[in-house]
Amino acid sequence: MAGSIFFVVLLVVAVFAVSQAVVTVRQGYEYTLERFGRFTMTLRPGFTLIIPFVDRIGRKINMMEQVLEIPGQEIITKDNAIVSVDGVVFYQVLDAAKAAYEVSDLFSAIVNLTTTNLRTVMGSMDLDETLSKRDAINAKLLTVVDAATEPWGIKITRVELKDIRPPADIVNAMGRQMKAEREKRANILEAEGMRASEILRAEGAKQGQILQAEGRREAAFRDAEARERSAQAEAKATELVSTAIEGGSAQAINYFVAQKYVEAMTAFATSPNAKTIFMPFEASALVGSLGGIGELVKAVRPTGDAPVVVPTPPKPTRTPRANPFTEDEAQ
């Protein structure tokens, strides 16, 4: 009976010793092995045998990248503005032994280290810089915290600020500032548009005046050319008449005088201001004029030739014109 009990006890001790000797490390973790309380080695993922009752598992370290929340806190900026900031830290354990034995509380150490450096970095910046330079703050925090946690076997991969919350009065002031800035930009753009419009109008008016001046110059040139050609034609006609008279053709001067006479009579007949035309021409005066022209012809041709035939002027007549008014209107 006693032997049976001893055998059972021995079997239980053997099973317990075997269970203590076999260690299975999960993937993503590393265990520290302590022998009589002293660190000896790090157990990698997989199956491992240890000496029972001599060796024991010290710490189970997570080797995967982890996220640590940085609690919100109030920070006073360089320009004495109070902002509330919170963030996250991404880190990974590279050395399980250092992470287990170089620092007492790894999580608390990382949080406190990040918080103090966050106050230092943001406290040296203005409010506008803290709101617009998040990338610079993150990069600076990453450099500082990573250098501080390197002796702990920790690699800080990223530091990100989740939210920056200024006070309500500062937010309202920033809103008014943004509105004023946008109104300023709108006024500047409107003024620039008006200036460009006025410049375009002035350019258009200038081009219009230039074209009008060129048109007037061209018209004046054409008018002068027409007057020159008309004068040349008149001079040519006069020269031809003079040549004809000088050559002994008295009919030419008769034709010239009769033509001018008819033109003058036509001008009187087409006058719009008279209903009745009187012809107060004195035949003697007209004959005297024609006689003077005849003397000119004789002076040109001193030799005896055919006399100049002067046309007899018509007798004065009165030509009634149609009355545009009716009989009732005339009354």
C-alpha atoms as a PDB file:
ATOM      1  CA  MET A   1       0.000   0.000   0.000  1.00  0.00           C
ATOM      2  CA  ALA A   2       2.823   2.355   0.897  1.00  0.00           C
ATOM      3  CA  GLY A   3       4.658   1.436  -2.284  1.00  0.00           C
ATOM      4  CA  SER A   4       1.631   2.304  -4.337  1.00  0.00           C
ATOM      5  CA  ILE A   5       1.320   5.674  -2.723  1.00  0.00           C
ATOM      6  CA  PHE A   6       5.001   6.381  -3.305  1.00  0.00           C
ATOM      7  CA  PHE A   7       4.683   5.393  -6.922  1.00  0.00           C
ATOM      8  CA  VAL A   8       1.727   7.721  -7.434  1.00  0.00           C
ATOM      9  CA  VAL A   9       3.547  10.590  -5.789  1.00  0.00           C
ATOM     10  CA  LEU A  10       6.631   9.946  -7.888  1.00  0.00           C
ATOM     11  CA  LEU A  11       4.511   9.887 -11.031  1.00  0.00           C
ATOM     12  CA  VAL A  12       2.872  13.172 -10.146  1.00  0.00           C
ATOM     13  CA  VAL A  13       6.257  14.767  -9.467  1.00  0.00           C
ATOM     14  CA  ALA A  14       7.586  13.481 -12.771  1.00  0.00           C
ATOM     15  CA  VAL A  15       4.621  14.829 -14.683  1.00  0.00           C
ATOM     16  CA  PHE A  16       4.971  18.196 -12.972  1.00  0.00           C
ATOM     17  CA  ALA A  17       8.725  18.265 -13.661  1.00  0.00           C
ATOM     18  CA  VAL A  18       8.153  17.484 -17.330  1.00  0.00           C
ATOM     19  CA  SER A  19       5.508  20.200 -17.584  1.00  0.00           C
ATOM     20  CA  GLN A  20       7.937  22.641 -16.026  1.00  0.00           C
ATOM     21  CA  ALA A  21      10.723  21.577 -18.344  1.00  0.00           C
ATOM     22  CA  VAL A  22       8.737  22.076 -21.542  1.00  0.00           C
ATOM     23  CA  VAL A  23       8.192  25.724 -22.632  1.00  0.00           C
ATOM     24  CA  THR A  24       6.349  26.760 -25.760  1.00  0.00           C
ATOM     25  CA  VAL A  25       6.909  30.376 -26.860  1.00  0.00           C
ATOM     26  CA  ARG A  26       4.210  31.897 -29.060  1.00  0.00           C
ATOM     27  CA  GLN A  27       5.016  33.702 -32.273  1.00  0.00           C
ATOM     28  CA  GLY A  28       5.566  37.424 -31.717  1.00  0.00           C
ATOM     29  CA  TYR A  29       6.798  36.968 -28.164  1.00  0.00           C
ATOM     30  CA  GLU A  30      10.095  36.320 -26.429  1.00  0.00           C
ATOM     31  CA  TYR A  31      10.530  34.958 -22.905  1.00  0.00           C
ATOM     32  CA  THR A  32      13.390  35.678 -20.549  1.00  0.00           C
ATOM     33  CA  LEU A  33      14.870  32.658 -18.757  1.00  0.00           C
ATOM     34  CA  GLU A  34      16.073  33.086 -15.188  1.00  0.00           C
ATOM     35  CA  ARG A  35      18.222  30.568 -13.326  1.00  0.00           C
ATOM     36  CA  PHE A  36      18.022  31.002  -9.580  1.00  0.00           C
ATOM     37  CA  GLY A  37      16.664  34.516 -10.225  1.00  0.00           C
ATOM     38  CA  ARG A  38      19.374  35.556 -12.652  1.00  0.00           C
ATOM     39  CA  PHE A  39      18.795  36.212 -16.349  1.00  0.00           C
ATOM     40  CA  THR A  40      20.515  33.641 -18.499  1.00  0.00           C
ATOM     41  CA  MET A  41      19.008  33.730 -21.993  1.00  0.00           C
ATOM     42  CA  THR A  42      16.048  34.719 -24.151  1.00  0.00           C
ATOM     43  CA  LEU A  43      13.709  32.064 -25.452  1.00  0.00           C
ATOM     44  CA  ARG A  44      12.655  32.450 -29.086  1.00  0.00           C
ATOM     45  CA  PRO A  45       9.251  31.378 -30.454  1.00  0.00           C
ATOM     46  CA  GLY A  46       8.850  27.606 -30.571  1.00  0.00           C
ATOM     47  CA  PHE A  47       9.468  24.533 -28.315  1.00  0.00           C
ATOM     48  CA  THR A  48      12.204  24.725 -25.667  1.00  0.00           C
ATOM     49  CA  LEU A  49      13.313  22.449 -22.767  1.00  0.00           C
ATOM     50  CA  ILE A  50      14.548  23.960 -19.534  1.00  0.00           C
ATOM     51  CA  ILE A  51      15.749  22.550 -16.220  1.00  0.00           C
ATOM     52  CA  PRO A  52      12.745  22.277 -13.934  1.00  0.00           C
ATOM     53  CA  PHE A  53      12.962  23.727 -10.429  1.00  0.00           C
ATOM     54  CA  VAL A  54      16.177  25.515 -11.519  1.00  0.00           C
ATOM     55  CA  ASP A  55      15.138  27.603 -14.496  1.00  0.00           C
ATOM     56  CA  ARG A  56      11.974  29.617 -14.681  1.00  0.00           C
ATOM     57  CA  ILE A  57      10.336  32.069 -17.115  1.00  0.00           C
ATOM     58  CA  GLY A  58      10.987  35.649 -16.027  1.00  0.00           C
ATOM     59  CA  ARG A  59       9.161  38.067 -18.417  1.00  0.00           C
ATOM     60  CA  LYS A  60       7.014  37.518 -21.469  1.00  0.00           C
ATOM     61  CA  ILE A  61       7.830  40.353 -23.848  1.00  0.00           C
ATOM     62  CA  ASN A  62       5.647  41.271 -26.825  1.00  0.00           C
ATOM     63  CA  MET A  63       7.981  41.827 -29.792  1.00  0.00           C
ATOM     64  CA  MET A  64       5.302  43.153 -32.156  1.00  0.00           C
ATOM     65  CA  GLU A  65       4.824  46.844 -32.895  1.00  0.00           C
ATOM     66  CA  GLN A  66       2.467  48.358 -30.368  1.00  0.00           C
ATOM     67  CA  VAL A  67       0.455  51.560 -29.970  1.00  0.00           C
ATOM     68  CA  LEU A  68       0.508  53.567 -26.762  1.00  0.00           C
ATOM     69  CA  GLU A  69      -2.029  56.296 -26.100  1.00  0.00           C
ATOM     70  CA  ILE A  70      -0.708  59.637 -24.828  1.00  0.00           C
ATOM     71  CA  PRO A  71      -3.391  61.128 -22.576  1.00  0.00           C
ATOM     72  CA  GLY A  72      -4.618  64.667 -23.254  1.00  0.00           C
ATOM     73  CA  GLN A  73      -2.835  67.496 -21.454  1.00  0.00           C
ATOM     74  CA  GLU A  74      -2.790  71.280 -21.449  1.00  0.00           C
ATOM     75  CA  ILE A  75       0.321  72.994 -22.798  1.00  0.00           C
ATOM     76  CA  ILE A  76       1.247  76.682 -22.641  1.00  0.00           C
ATOM     77  CA  THR A  77       2.763  77.867 -25.905  1.00  0.00           C
ATOM     78  CA  LYS A  78       5.438  80.490 -26.380  1.00  0.00           C
ATOM     79  CA  ASP A  79       2.842  83.257 -26.822  1.00  0.00           C
ATOM     80  CA  ASN A  80       1.025  82.200 -23.590  1.00  0.00           C
ATOM     81  CA  ALA A  81      -1.840  80.384 -25.297  1.00  0.00           C
ATOM     82  CA  ILE A  82      -3.186  77.255 -23.612  1.00  0.00           C
ATOM     83  CA  VAL A  83      -3.917  74.290 -25.883  1.00  0.00           C
ATOM     84  CA  SER A  84      -5.042  70.751 -25.134  1.00  0.00           C
ATOM     85  CA  VAL A  85      -3.025  68.053 -26.906  1.00  0.00           C
ATOM     86  CA  ASP A  86      -3.186  64.278 -27.090  1.00  0.00           C
ATOM     87  CA  GLY A  87      -1.404  61.771 -29.302  1.00  0.00           C
ATOM     88  CA  VAL A  88      -0.191  58.243 -29.892  1.00  0.00           C
ATOM     89  CA  VAL A  89       3.223  56.561 -29.896  1.00  0.00           C
ATOM     90  CA  PHE A  90       4.123  53.555 -32.059  1.00  0.00           C
ATOM     91  CA  TYR A  91       6.996  51.492 -30.662  1.00  0.00           C
ATOM     92  CA  GLN A  92       8.569  48.063 -30.977  1.00  0.00           C
ATOM     93  CA  VAL A  93      10.768  46.064 -28.611  1.00  0.00           C
ATOM     94  CA  LEU A  94      14.034  45.062 -30.237  1.00  0.00           C
ATOM     95  CA  ASP A  95      15.831  43.630 -27.191  1.00  0.00           C
ATOM     96  CA  ALA A  96      13.622  41.635 -24.780  1.00  0.00           C
ATOM     97  CA  ALA A  97      16.252  41.472 -22.030  1.00  0.00           C
ATOM     98  CA  LYS A  98      16.768  45.256 -21.942  1.00  0.00           C
ATOM     99  CA  ALA A  99      13.024  45.920 -22.085  1.00  0.00           C
ATOM    100  CA  ALA A 100      12.545  43.524 -19.156  1.00  0.00           C
ATOM    101  CA  TYR A 101      15.424  44.533 -16.892  1.00  0.00           C
ATOM    102  CA  GLU A 102      16.593  48.052 -17.884  1.00  0.00           C
ATOM    103  CA  VAL A 103      13.344  49.824 -16.969  1.00  0.00           C
ATOM    104  CA  SER A 104      10.856  49.030 -14.257  1.00  0.00           C
ATOM    105  CA  ASP A 105       7.593  49.974 -16.007  1.00  0.00           C
ATOM    106  CA  LEU A 106       8.080  50.248 -19.739  1.00  0.00           C
ATOM    107  CA  PHE A 107       4.645  51.645 -20.628  1.00  0.00           C
ATOM    108  CA  SER A 108       4.652  54.308 -17.915  1.00  0.00           C
ATOM    109  CA  ALA A 109       8.211  55.303 -18.824  1.00  0.00           C
ATOM    110  CA  ILE A 110       7.325  55.825 -22.499  1.00  0.00           C
ATOM    111  CA  VAL A 111       4.191  57.832 -21.644  1.00  0.00           C
ATOM    112  CA  ASN A 112       5.977  60.137 -19.206  1.00  0.00           C
ATOM    113  CA  LEU A 113       8.942  60.605 -21.521  1.00  0.00           C
ATOM    114  CA  THR A 114       6.715  61.504 -24.466  1.00  0.00           C
ATOM    115  CA  THR A 115       4.587  63.863 -22.366  1.00  0.00           C
ATOM    116  CA  THR A 116       7.524  65.840 -20.992  1.00  0.00           C
ATOM    117  CA  ASN A 117       9.166  66.190 -24.398  1.00  0.00           C
ATOM    118  CA  LEU A 118       5.842  67.208 -25.937  1.00  0.00           C
ATOM    119  CA  ARG A 119       5.587  70.055 -23.436  1.00  0.00           C
ATOM    120  CA  THR A 120       9.151  71.084 -24.204  1.00  0.00           C
ATOM    121  CA  VAL A 121       8.722  71.085 -27.990  1.00  0.00           C
ATOM    122  CA  MET A 122       5.335  72.803 -28.157  1.00  0.00           C
ATOM    123  CA  GLY A 123       6.197  75.232 -25.375  1.00  0.00           C
ATOM    124  CA  SER A 124       8.951  76.700 -27.545  1.00  0.00           C
ATOM    125  CA  MET A 125       6.555  77.452 -30.442  1.00  0.00           C
ATOM    126  CA  ASP A 126       3.829  80.002 -31.074  1.00  0.00           C
ATOM    127  CA  LEU A 127       0.198  78.992 -31.343  1.00  0.00           C
ATOM    128  CA  ASP A 128       0.160  79.433 -35.100  1.00  0.00           C
ATOM    129  CA  GLU A 129       3.236  77.226 -35.425  1.00  0.00           C
ATOM    130  CA  THR A 130       1.738  74.493 -33.258  1.00  0.00           C
ATOM    131  CA  LEU A 131      -1.357  74.439 -35.467  1.00  0.00           C
ATOM    132  CA  SER A 132       0.452  74.555 -38.807  1.00  0.00           C
ATOM    133  CA  LYS A 133       3.643  72.554 -38.129  1.00  0.00           C
ATOM    134  CA  ARG A 134       2.415  69.208 -36.884  1.00  0.00           C
ATOM    135  CA  ASP A 135       4.852  67.320 -39.065  1.00  0.00           C
ATOM    136  CA  ALA A 136       7.779  69.244 -37.595  1.00  0.00           C
ATOM    137  CA  ILE A 137       6.530  68.560 -34.032  1.00  0.00           C
ATOM    138  CA  ASN A 138       6.093  64.853 -34.780  1.00  0.00           C
ATOM    139  CA  ALA A 139       9.560  64.567 -36.307  1.00  0.00           C
ATOM    140  CA  LYS A 140      11.218  66.351 -33.393  1.00  0.00           C
ATOM    141  CA  LEU A 141       9.382  64.249 -30.809  1.00  0.00           C
ATOM    142  CA  LEU A 142      10.300  61.071 -32.663  1.00  0.00           C
ATOM    143  CA  THR A 143      13.985  61.969 -32.647  1.00  0.00           C
ATOM    144  CA  VAL A 144      14.061  62.909 -28.968  1.00  0.00           C
ATOM    145  CA  VAL A 145      11.983  59.994 -27.613  1.00  0.00           C
ATOM    146  CA  ASP A 146      13.711  57.405 -29.781  1.00  0.00           C
ATOM    147  CA  ALA A 147      17.120  58.515 -28.559  1.00  0.00           C
ATOM    148  CA  ALA A 148      15.929  58.380 -24.930  1.00  0.00           C
ATOM    149  CA  THR A 149      14.405  54.882 -25.193  1.00  0.00           C
ATOM    150  CA  GLU A 150      17.298  53.279 -27.065  1.00  0.00           C
ATOM    151  CA  PRO A 151      18.955  51.989 -23.822  1.00  0.00           C
ATOM    152  CA  TRP A 152      15.708  50.178 -23.035  1.00  0.00           C
ATOM    153  CA  GLY A 153      15.848  48.137 -26.225  1.00  0.00           C
ATOM    154  CA  ILE A 154      12.895  50.102 -27.653  1.00  0.00           C
ATOM    155  CA  LYS A 155      12.510  51.513 -31.164  1.00  0.00           C
ATOM    156  CA  ILE A 156      10.062  54.405 -31.489  1.00  0.00           C
ATOM    157  CA  THR A 157       8.706  54.130 -35.011  1.00  0.00           C
ATOM    158  CA  ARG A 158       6.225  57.012 -35.078  1.00  0.00           C
ATOM    159  CA  VAL A 159       4.856  59.787 -32.880  1.00  0.00           C
ATOM    160  CA  GLU A 160       1.591  61.418 -33.981  1.00  0.00           C
ATOM    161  CA  LEU A 161      -0.449  64.231 -32.462  1.00  0.00           C
ATOM    162  CA  LYS A 162      -4.090  63.270 -32.591  1.00  0.00           C
ATOM    163  CA  ASP A 163      -5.707  66.571 -31.749  1.00  0.00           C
ATOM    164  CA  ILE A 164      -4.772  70.141 -30.809  1.00  0.00           C
ATOM    165  CA  ARG A 165      -7.646  72.064 -29.215  1.00  0.00           C
ATOM    166  CA  PRO A 166      -7.202  75.802 -28.565  1.00  0.00           C
ATOM    167  CA  PRO A 167      -9.585  77.602 -26.180  1.00  0.00           C
ATOM    168  CA  ALA A 168     -12.977  78.721 -27.493  1.00  0.00           C
ATOM    169  CA  ASP A 169     -12.141  82.442 -27.440  1.00  0.00           C
ATOM    170  CA  ILE A 170      -8.981  81.827 -29.465  1.00  0.00           C
ATOM    171  CA  VAL A 171     -10.962  79.733 -31.947  1.00  0.00           C
ATOM    172  CA  ASN A 172     -13.459  82.605 -32.362  1.00  0.00           C
ATOM    173  CA  ALA A 173     -10.632  85.101 -32.824  1.00  0.00           C
ATOM    174  CA  MET A 174      -9.036  82.833 -35.411  1.00  0.00           C
ATOM    175  CA  GLY A 175     -12.360  82.607 -37.227  1.00  0.00           C
ATOM    176  CA  ARG A 176     -12.666  86.404 -37.349  1.00  0.00           C
ATOM    177  CA  GLN A 177      -9.058  86.679 -38.500  1.00  0.00           C
ATOM    178  CA  MET A 178      -9.646  84.167 -41.278  1.00  0.00           C
ATOM    179  CA  LYS A 179     -12.792  86.021 -42.369  1.00  0.00           C
ATOM    180  CA  ALA A 180     -10.950  89.336 -42.434  1.00  0.00           C
ATOM    181  CA  GLU A 181      -8.105  87.785 -44.393  1.00  0.00           C
ATOM    182  CA  ARG A 182     -10.481  86.340 -46.965  1.00  0.00           C
ATOM    183  CA  GLU A 183     -12.323  89.650 -47.290  1.00  0.00           C
ATOM    184  CA  LYS A 184      -8.973  91.348 -47.781  1.00  0.00           C
ATOM    185  CA  ARG A 185      -8.064  88.899 -50.543  1.00  0.00           C
ATOM    186  CA  ALA A 186     -11.472  89.396 -52.144  1.00  0.00           C
ATOM    187  CA  ASN A 187     -11.045  93.191 -52.111  1.00  0.00           C
ATOM    188  CA  ILE A 188      -7.557  92.899 -53.563  1.00  0.00           C
ATOM    189  CA  LEU A 189      -8.773  90.612 -56.333  1.00  0.00           C
ATOM    190  CA  GLU A 190     -11.694  92.923 -57.061  1.00  0.00           C
ATOM    191  CA  ALA A 191      -9.384  95.945 -57.209  1.00  0.00           C
ATOM    192  CA  GLU A 192      -7.006  94.103 -59.502  1.00  0.00           C
ATOM    193  CA  GLY A 193      -9.910  93.125 -61.719  1.00  0.00           C
ATOM    194  CA  MET A 194     -11.141  96.720 -61.904  1.00  0.00           C
ATOM    195  CA  ARG A 195      -7.630  97.922 -62.683  1.00  0.00           C
ATOM    196  CA  ALA A 196      -7.244  95.366 -65.445  1.00  0.00           C
ATOM    197  CA  SER A 197     -10.652  96.342 -66.812  1.00  0.00           C
ATOM    198  CA  GLU A 198      -9.761 100.039 -66.829  1.00  0.00           C
ATOM    199  CA  ILE A 199      -6.449  99.268 -68.508  1.00  0.00           C
ATOM    200  CA  LEU A 200      -8.214  97.265 -71.193  1.00  0.00           C
ATOM    201  CA  ARG A 201     -10.771 100.020 -71.710  1.00  0.00           C
ATOM    202  CA  ALA A 202      -8.013 102.622 -71.968  1.00  0.00           C
ATOM    203  CA  GLU A 203      -6.127 100.453 -74.426  1.00  0.00           C
ATOM    204  CA  GLY A 204      -9.282 100.010 -76.468  1.00  0.00           C
ATOM    205  CA  ALA A 205      -9.984 103.755 -76.478  1.00  0.00           C
ATOM    206  CA  LYS A 206      -6.379 104.421 -77.437  1.00  0.00           C
ATOM    207  CA  GLN A 207      -6.542 101.973 -80.315  1.00  0.00           C
ATOM    208  CA  GLY A 208      -9.875 103.461 -81.379  1.00  0.00           C
ATOM    209  CA  GLN A 209      -8.455 106.986 -81.409  1.00  0.00           C
ATOM    210  CA  ILE A 210      -5.407 105.781 -83.324  1.00  0.00           C
ATOM    211  CA  LEU A 211      -7.614 104.108 -85.915  1.00  0.00           C
ATOM    212  CA  GLN A 212      -9.843 107.187 -86.159  1.00  0.00           C
ATOM    213  CA  ALA A 213      -6.798 109.410 -86.605  1.00  0.00           C
ATOM    214  CA  GLU A 214      -5.463 107.098 -89.272  1.00  0.00           C
ATOM    215  CA  GLY A 215      -8.876 107.140 -90.943  1.00  0.00           C
ATOM    216  CA  ARG A 216      -9.013 110.936 -90.869  1.00  0.00           C
ATOM    217  CA  ARG A 217      -5.477 111.108 -92.237  1.00  0.00           C
ATOM    218  CA  GLU A 218      -6.353 108.720 -95.037  1.00  0.00           C
ATOM    219  CA  ALA A 219      -9.549 110.637 -95.781  1.00  0.00           C
ATOM    220  CA  ALA A 220      -7.682 113.949 -95.786  1.00  0.00           C
ATOM    221  CA  PHE A 221      -5.099 112.440 -98.079  1.00  0.00           C
ATOM    222  CA  ARG A 222      -7.827 111.170-100.395  1.00  0.00           C
ATOM    223  CA  ASP A 223      -9.623 114.556-100.304  1.00  0.00           C
ATOM    224  CA  ALA A 224      -6.396 116.388-101.092  1.00  0.00           C
ATOM    225  CA  GLU A 225      -5.691 113.971-103.878  1.00  0.00           C
ATOM    226  CA  ALA A 226      -9.226 114.467-105.243  1.00  0.00           C
ATOM    227  CA  ARG A 227      -8.911 118.251-105.036  1.00  0.00           C
ATOM    228  CA  GLU A 228      -5.528 118.044-106.726  1.00  0.00           C
ATOM    229  CA  ARG A 229      -6.920 115.940-109.532  1.00  0.00           C
ATOM    230  CA  SER A 230      -9.927 118.265-109.841  1.00  0.00           C
ATOM    231  CA  ALA A 231      -7.632 121.273-110.042  1.00  0.00           C
ATOM    232  CA  GLN A 232      -5.522 119.477-112.612  1.00  0.00           C
ATOM    233  CA  ALA A 233      -8.636 118.692-114.632  1.00  0.00           C
ATOM    234  CA  GLU A 234      -9.831 122.311-114.343  1.00  0.00           C
ATOM    235  CA  ALA A 235      -6.411 123.571-115.356  1.00  0.00           C
ATOM    236  CA  LYS A 236      -6.367 121.137-118.251  1.00  0.00           C
ATOM    237  CA  ALA A 237      -9.813 122.303-119.385  1.00  0.00           C
ATOM    238  CA  THR A 238      -8.805 125.945-119.129  1.00  0.00           C
ATOM    239  CA  GLU A 239      -5.622 125.179-121.031  1.00  0.00           C
ATOM    240  CA  LEU A 240      -7.601 123.463-123.771  1.00  0.00           C
ATOM    241  CA  VAL A 241     -10.047 126.405-124.004  1.00  0.00           C
ATOM    242  CA  SER A 242      -7.166 128.859-124.114  1.00  0.00           C
ATOM    243  CA  THR A 243      -5.484 126.786-126.806  1.00  0.00           C
ATOM    244  CA  ALA A 244      -8.687 126.667-128.815  1.00  0.00           C
ATOM    245  CA  ILE A 245      -9.168 130.450-128.548  1.00  0.00           C
ATOM    246  CA  GLU A 246      -5.552 131.044-129.411  1.00  0.00           C
ATOM    247  CA  GLY A 247      -5.952 128.742-132.407  1.00  0.00           C
ATOM    248  CA  GLY A 248      -8.757 130.854-133.821  1.00  0.00           C
ATOM    249  CA  SER A 249     -11.808 128.903-132.680  1.00  0.00           C
ATOM    250  CA  ALA A 250     -14.187 131.522-131.321  1.00  0.00           C
ATOM    251  CA  GLN A 251     -16.889 128.946-130.764  1.00  0.00           C
ATOM    252  CA  ALA A 252     -14.943 127.595-127.812  1.00  0.00           C
ATOM    253  CA  ILE A 253     -15.294 130.780-125.763  1.00  0.00           C
ATOM    254  CA  ASN A 254     -18.938 131.009-126.775  1.00  0.00           C
ATOM    255  CA  TYR A 255     -19.519 127.475-125.550  1.00  0.00           C
ATOM    256  CA  PHE A 256     -17.669 128.125-122.278  1.00  0.00           C
ATOM    257  CA  VAL A 257     -19.667 131.307-121.507  1.00  0.00           C
ATOM    258  CA  ALA A 258     -22.972 129.677-122.414  1.00  0.00           C
ATOM    259  CA  GLN A 259     -22.227 126.688-120.164  1.00  0.00           C
ATOM    260  CA  LYS A 260     -21.528 128.897-117.158  1.00  0.00           C
ATOM    261  CA  TYR A 261     -24.641 130.914-117.923  1.00  0.00           C
ATOM    262  CA  VAL A 262     -26.825 127.799-117.972  1.00  0.00           C
ATOM    263  CA  GLU A 263     -25.315 126.551-114.705  1.00  0.00           C
ATOM    264  CA  ALA A 264     -26.063 129.840-113.008  1.00  0.00           C
ATOM    265  CA  MET A 265     -29.656 129.797-114.269  1.00  0.00           C
ATOM    266  CA  THR A 266     -30.071 126.207-113.016  1.00  0.00           C
ATOM    267  CA  ALA A 267     -28.842 127.175-109.556  1.00  0.00           C
ATOM    268  CA  PHE A 268     -31.417 129.962-109.354  1.00  0.00           C
ATOM    269  CA  ALA A 269     -34.202 127.737-110.645  1.00  0.00           C
ATOM    270  CA  THR A 270     -33.551 125.003-108.057  1.00  0.00           C
ATOM    271  CA  SER A 271     -33.475 127.338-105.046  1.00  0.00           C
ATOM    272  CA  PRO A 272     -35.632 125.772-102.255  1.00  0.00           C
ATOM    273  CA  ASN A 273     -36.480 129.126-100.624  1.00  0.00           C
ATOM    274  CA  ALA A 274     -38.450 130.757-103.449  1.00  0.00           C
ATOM    275  CA  LYS A 275     -41.765 129.922-105.032  1.00  0.00           C
ATOM    276  CA  THR A 276     -41.411 132.547-107.797  1.00  0.00           C
ATOM    277  CA  ILE A 277     -38.149 133.316-109.566  1.00  0.00           C
ATOM    278  CA  PHE A 278     -37.488 136.779-111.049  1.00  0.00           C
ATOM    279  CA  MET A 279     -34.827 137.198-113.627  1.00  0.00           C
ATOM    280  CA  PRO A 280     -33.458 140.745-112.994  1.00  0.00           C
ATOM    281  CA  PHE A 281     -30.603 140.400-115.402  1.00  0.00           C
ATOM    282  CA  GLU A 282     -29.758 143.426-117.511  1.00  0.00           C
ATOM    283  CA  ALA A 283     -28.978 142.482-121.072  1.00  0.00           C
ATOM    284  CA  SER A 284     -26.661 145.440-121.499  1.00  0.00           C
ATOM    285  CA  ALA A 285     -24.525 144.348-118.531  1.00  0.00           C
ATOM    286  CA  LEU A 286     -24.381 140.793-119.811  1.00  0.00           C
ATOM    287  CA  VAL A 287     -23.560 142.024-123.343  1.00  0.00           C
ATOM    288  CA  GLY A 288     -20.913 144.250-121.874  1.00  0.00           C
ATOM    289  CA  SER A 289     -19.375 141.280-120.122  1.00  0.00           C
ATOM    290  CA  LEU A 290     -19.438 139.264-123.294  1.00  0.00           C
ATOM    291  CA  GLY A 291     -17.973 142.204-125.162  1.00  0.00           C
ATOM    292  CA  GLY A 292     -15.111 142.315-122.727  1.00  0.00           C
ATOM    293  CA  ILE A 293     -14.466 138.657-123.398  1.00  0.00           C
ATOM    294  CA  GLY A 294     -14.536 139.420-127.126  1.00  0.00           C
ATOM    295  CA  GLU A 295     -11.905 142.114-126.629  1.00  0.00           C
ATOM    296  CA  LEU A 296      -9.757 139.486-124.902  1.00  0.00           C
ATOM    297  CA  VAL A 297     -10.123 137.285-127.949  1.00  0.00           C
ATOM    298  CA  LYS A 298      -9.139 140.160-130.231  1.00  0.00           C
ATOM    299  CA  ALA A 299      -6.135 140.861-128.048  1.00  0.00           C
ATOM    300  CA  VAL A 300      -5.116 137.249-128.408  1.00  0.00           C
ATOM    301  CA  ARG A 301      -5.642 137.335-132.206  1.00  0.00           C
ATOM    302  CA  PRO A 302      -4.642 140.762-133.537  1.00  0.00           C
ATOM    303  CA  THR A 303      -5.085 139.716-137.162  1.00  0.00           C
ATOM    304  CA  GLY A 304      -8.449 139.941-138.851  1.00  0.00           C
ATOM    305  CA  ASP A 305     -10.494 136.809-138.396  1.00  0.00           C
ATOM    306  CA  ALA A 306     -14.085 135.935-137.941  1.00  0.00           C
ATOM    307  CA  PRO A 307     -15.709 137.968-135.210  1.00  0.00           C
ATOM    308  CA  VAL A 308     -16.681 136.391-131.939  1.00  0.00           C
ATOM    309  CA  VAL A 309     -20.336 135.482-131.905  1.00  0.00           C
ATOM    310  CA  VAL A 310     -21.898 136.317-128.568  1.00  0.00           C
ATOM    311  CA  PRO A 311     -25.164 134.584-127.736  1.00  0.00           C
ATOM    312  CA  THR A 312     -28.140 136.859-127.110  1.00  0.00           C
ATOM    313  CA  PRO A 313     -29.278 136.579-123.492  1.00  0.00           C
ATOM    314  CA  PRO A 314     -32.903 135.626-122.975  1.00  0.00           C
ATOM    315  CA  LYS A 315     -35.448 138.170-121.899  1.00  0.00           C
ATOM    316  CA  PRO A 316     -36.277 138.379-118.217  1.00  0.00           C
ATOM    317  CA  THR A 317     -39.093 135.982-117.426  1.00  0.00           C
ATOM    318  CA  ARG A 318     -41.073 135.087-114.370  1.00  0.00           C
ATOM    319  CA  THR A 319     -41.692 131.438-113.787  1.00  0.00           C
ATOM    320  CA  PRO A 320     -44.330 130.623-111.222  1.00  0.00           C
ATOM    321  CA  ARG A 321     -43.724 127.561-109.080  1.00  0.00           C
ATOM    322  CA  ALA A 322     -46.314 125.222-107.756  1.00  0.00           C
ATOM    323  CA  ASN A 323     -47.859 126.284-104.483  1.00  0.00           C
ATOM    324  CA  PRO A 324     -47.565 123.419-102.028  1.00  0.00           C
ATOM    325  CA  PHE A 325     -50.363 124.793 -99.865  1.00  0.00           C
ATOM    326  CA  THR A 326     -54.053 124.328-100.568  1.00  0.00           C
ATOM    327  CA  GLU A 327     -56.440 127.207-100.982  1.00  0.00           C
ATOM    328  CA  ASP A 328     -57.737 126.879 -97.442  1.00  0.00           C
ATOM    329  CA  GLU A 329     -54.239 126.875 -96.023  1.00  0.00           C
ATOM    330  CA  ALA A 330     -53.291 129.940 -98.044  1.00  0.00           C
ATOM    331  CA  GLN A 331     -56.268 131.779 -96.534  1.00  0.00           C
END
